[in-house]
């Protein structure tokens, strides 16, 4: 039970950190041009996919925890 709580806490913290990184990288995209902007677009896309996966895992853990 404690392992589930620790894993859930780590996932929730990761979600928060990724959200903050996404906001930061999207802000940087408005300031730069060229290849760096293309790199930041790819990076935000990958971080968005990771965020979606972590949210799905988090919801599954919540369901398991409620049972």
N, C-alpha and C. Protein backbone atom coordinates (compact mmCIF):
# COMPACT_ATOMS: atom_id res chain seq x y z
N UNK A 1 0.82 -1.20 0.00
CA UNK A 1 0.00 0.00 0.00
C UNK A 1 0.86 1.26 0.00
N UNK A 2 1.92 1.23 0.80
CA UNK A 2 2.80 2.40 0.87
C UNK A 2 3.52 2.58 -0.46
N UNK A 3 3.87 1.46 -1.13
CA UNK A 3 4.54 1.57 -2.43
C UNK A 3 3.64 2.26 -3.44
N UNK A 4 2.36 1.96 -3.42
CA UNK A 4 1.42 2.58 -4.35
C UNK A 4 1.33 4.08 -4.10
N UNK A 5 1.31 4.47 -2.83
CA UNK A 5 1.24 5.89 -2.49
C UNK A 5 2.51 6.61 -2.95
N UNK A 6 3.67 5.99 -2.76
CA UNK A 6 4.93 6.61 -3.17
C UNK A 6 4.99 6.74 -4.69
N UNK A 7 4.60 5.68 -5.40
CA UNK A 7 4.61 5.73 -6.87
C UNK A 7 3.63 6.79 -7.37
N UNK A 8 2.45 6.84 -6.77
CA UNK A 8 1.46 7.84 -7.16
C UNK A 8 1.98 9.26 -6.91
N UNK A 9 2.63 9.48 -5.79
CA UNK A 9 3.18 10.80 -5.48
C UNK A 9 4.27 11.20 -6.47
N UNK A 10 5.12 10.25 -6.84
CA UNK A 10 6.18 10.54 -7.81
C UNK A 10 5.57 10.88 -9.16
N UNK A 11 4.54 10.15 -9.58
CA UNK A 11 3.90 10.42 -10.86
C UNK A 11 3.23 11.79 -10.84
N UNK A 12 2.55 12.14 -9.77
CA UNK A 12 1.91 13.45 -9.68
C UNK A 12 2.94 14.58 -9.70
N UNK A 13 4.05 14.39 -9.02
CA UNK A 13 5.11 15.39 -9.04
C UNK A 13 5.71 15.51 -10.44
N UNK A 14 5.87 14.39 -11.12
CA UNK A 14 6.38 14.41 -12.50
C UNK A 14 5.42 15.17 -13.42
N UNK A 15 4.13 14.97 -13.23
CA UNK A 15 3.13 15.68 -14.04
C UNK A 15 3.27 17.18 -13.83
N UNK A 16 3.43 17.60 -12.60
CA UNK A 16 3.59 19.02 -12.30
C UNK A 16 4.85 19.59 -12.95
N UNK A 17 5.95 18.88 -12.84
CA UNK A 17 7.22 19.34 -13.40
C UNK A 17 7.12 19.44 -14.92
N UNK A 18 6.51 18.44 -15.56
CA UNK A 18 6.38 18.47 -17.01
C UNK A 18 5.48 19.61 -17.46
N UNK A 19 4.42 19.88 -16.71
CA UNK A 19 3.56 21.02 -17.05
C UNK A 19 4.34 22.33 -16.98
N UNK A 20 5.14 22.50 -15.95
CA UNK A 20 5.95 23.72 -15.84
C UNK A 20 6.97 23.81 -16.96
N UNK A 21 7.60 22.68 -17.33
CA UNK A 21 8.55 22.69 -18.44
C UNK A 21 7.86 23.03 -19.76
N UNK A 22 6.65 22.50 -19.95
CA UNK A 22 5.92 22.81 -21.18
C UNK A 22 5.62 24.30 -21.28
N UNK A 23 5.19 24.89 -20.19
CA UNK A 23 4.92 26.33 -20.19
C UNK A 23 6.19 27.12 -20.51
N UNK A 24 7.30 26.72 -19.90
CA UNK A 24 8.58 27.40 -20.13
C UNK A 24 9.03 27.27 -21.58
N UNK A 25 8.95 26.05 -22.14
CA UNK A 25 9.40 25.83 -23.52
C UNK A 25 8.48 26.52 -24.51
N UNK A 26 7.19 26.58 -24.22
CA UNK A 26 6.29 27.29 -25.13
C UNK A 26 6.58 28.79 -25.10
N UNK A 27 6.94 29.31 -23.94
CA UNK A 27 7.34 30.71 -23.85
C UNK A 27 8.62 30.96 -24.64
N UNK A 28 9.58 30.04 -24.54
CA UNK A 28 10.83 30.19 -25.27
C UNK A 28 10.61 30.16 -26.77
N UNK A 29 9.62 29.38 -27.22
CA UNK A 29 9.35 29.30 -28.66
C UNK A 29 8.98 30.65 -29.25
N UNK A 30 8.37 31.50 -28.44
CA UNK A 30 7.98 32.81 -28.95
C UNK A 30 9.19 33.74 -29.07
N UNK A 31 10.27 33.42 -28.39
CA UNK A 31 11.43 34.30 -28.38
C UNK A 31 12.50 33.93 -29.41
N UNK A 32 12.51 32.67 -29.87
CA UNK A 32 13.59 32.23 -30.76
C UNK A 32 13.04 31.93 -32.15
N UNK A 33 13.95 31.82 -33.09
CA UNK A 33 13.61 31.53 -34.49
C UNK A 33 14.52 30.42 -35.02
N UNK A 34 14.14 29.84 -36.14
CA UNK A 34 15.01 28.90 -36.85
C UNK A 34 15.01 27.50 -36.27
N UNK A 35 16.21 26.90 -36.29
CA UNK A 35 16.36 25.51 -35.87
C UNK A 35 16.03 25.30 -34.40
N UNK A 36 16.36 26.29 -33.58
CA UNK A 36 16.06 26.16 -32.15
C UNK A 36 14.56 26.12 -31.91
N UNK A 37 13.80 26.89 -32.66
CA UNK A 37 12.35 26.88 -32.51
C UNK A 37 11.79 25.52 -32.94
N UNK A 38 12.33 24.94 -34.01
CA UNK A 38 11.91 23.62 -34.47
C UNK A 38 12.20 22.58 -33.41
N UNK A 39 13.39 22.65 -32.80
CA UNK A 39 13.76 21.73 -31.72
C UNK A 39 12.81 21.87 -30.53
N UNK A 40 12.48 23.09 -30.16
CA UNK A 40 11.57 23.31 -29.03
C UNK A 40 10.17 22.79 -29.33
N UNK A 41 9.73 22.89 -30.59
CA UNK A 41 8.42 22.35 -30.96
C UNK A 41 8.40 20.84 -30.80
N UNK A 42 9.47 20.17 -31.25
CA UNK A 42 9.55 18.71 -31.10
C UNK A 42 9.63 18.33 -29.62
N UNK A 43 10.38 19.10 -28.85
CA UNK A 43 10.52 18.82 -27.43
C UNK A 43 9.19 18.97 -26.70
N UNK A 44 8.43 20.00 -27.01
CA UNK A 44 7.13 20.19 -26.36
C UNK A 44 6.16 19.09 -26.78
N UNK A 45 6.25 18.63 -28.03
CA UNK A 45 5.40 17.54 -28.47
C UNK A 45 5.70 16.26 -27.70
N UNK A 46 6.97 15.93 -27.54
CA UNK A 46 7.35 14.73 -26.80
C UNK A 46 6.95 14.85 -25.34
N UNK A 47 7.15 16.02 -24.74
CA UNK A 47 6.75 16.22 -23.34
C UNK A 47 5.22 16.11 -23.18
N UNK A 48 4.48 16.56 -24.18
CA UNK A 48 3.02 16.44 -24.13
C UNK A 48 2.60 14.97 -24.16
N UNK A 49 3.25 14.18 -24.99
CA UNK A 49 2.94 12.75 -25.02
C UNK A 49 3.26 12.07 -23.70
N UNK A 50 4.40 12.41 -23.13
CA UNK A 50 4.78 11.85 -21.83
C UNK A 50 3.77 12.27 -20.76
N UNK A 51 3.32 13.51 -20.83
CA UNK A 51 2.34 14.02 -19.87
C UNK A 51 1.03 13.23 -19.98
N UNK A 52 0.57 12.98 -21.19
CA UNK A 52 -0.66 12.22 -21.38
C UNK A 52 -0.52 10.80 -20.82
N UNK A 53 0.62 10.16 -21.07
CA UNK A 53 0.85 8.81 -20.56
C UNK A 53 0.87 8.81 -19.04
N UNK A 54 1.52 9.80 -18.43
CA UNK A 54 1.57 9.87 -16.96
C UNK A 54 0.18 10.11 -16.36
N UNK A 55 -0.63 10.91 -17.01
CA UNK A 55 -1.99 11.15 -16.50
C UNK A 55 -2.82 9.88 -16.57
N UNK A 56 -2.67 9.11 -17.65
CA UNK A 56 -3.40 7.85 -17.77
C UNK A 56 -2.95 6.88 -16.68
N UNK A 57 -1.65 6.78 -16.45
CA UNK A 57 -1.14 5.89 -15.40
C UNK A 57 -1.64 6.35 -14.04
N UNK A 58 -1.63 7.65 -13.80
CA UNK A 58 -2.10 8.19 -12.53
C UNK A 58 -3.56 7.85 -12.28
N UNK A 59 -4.39 7.98 -13.32
CA UNK A 59 -5.81 7.64 -13.16
C UNK A 59 -6.00 6.16 -12.89
N UNK A 60 -5.20 5.32 -13.52
CA UNK A 60 -5.30 3.88 -13.27
C UNK A 60 -4.90 3.54 -11.83
N UNK A 61 -3.87 4.20 -11.34
CA UNK A 61 -3.45 3.97 -9.96
C UNK A 61 -4.54 4.41 -9.00
N UNK A 62 -5.19 5.53 -9.30
CA UNK A 62 -6.30 5.99 -8.44
C UNK A 62 -7.41 4.96 -8.40
N UNK A 63 -7.74 4.38 -9.55
CA UNK A 63 -8.79 3.36 -9.60
C UNK A 63 -8.42 2.13 -8.79
N UNK A 64 -7.17 1.70 -8.93
CA UNK A 64 -6.71 0.53 -8.16
C UNK A 64 -6.75 0.83 -6.68
N UNK A 65 -6.36 2.04 -6.32
CA UNK A 65 -6.31 2.44 -4.93
C UNK A 65 -7.72 2.47 -4.32
N UNK A 66 -8.71 2.86 -5.09
CA UNK A 66 -10.09 2.93 -4.57
C UNK A 66 -10.69 1.55 -4.36
N UNK A 67 -10.23 0.56 -5.11
CA UNK A 67 -10.79 -0.80 -4.96
C UNK A 67 -10.30 -1.48 -3.74
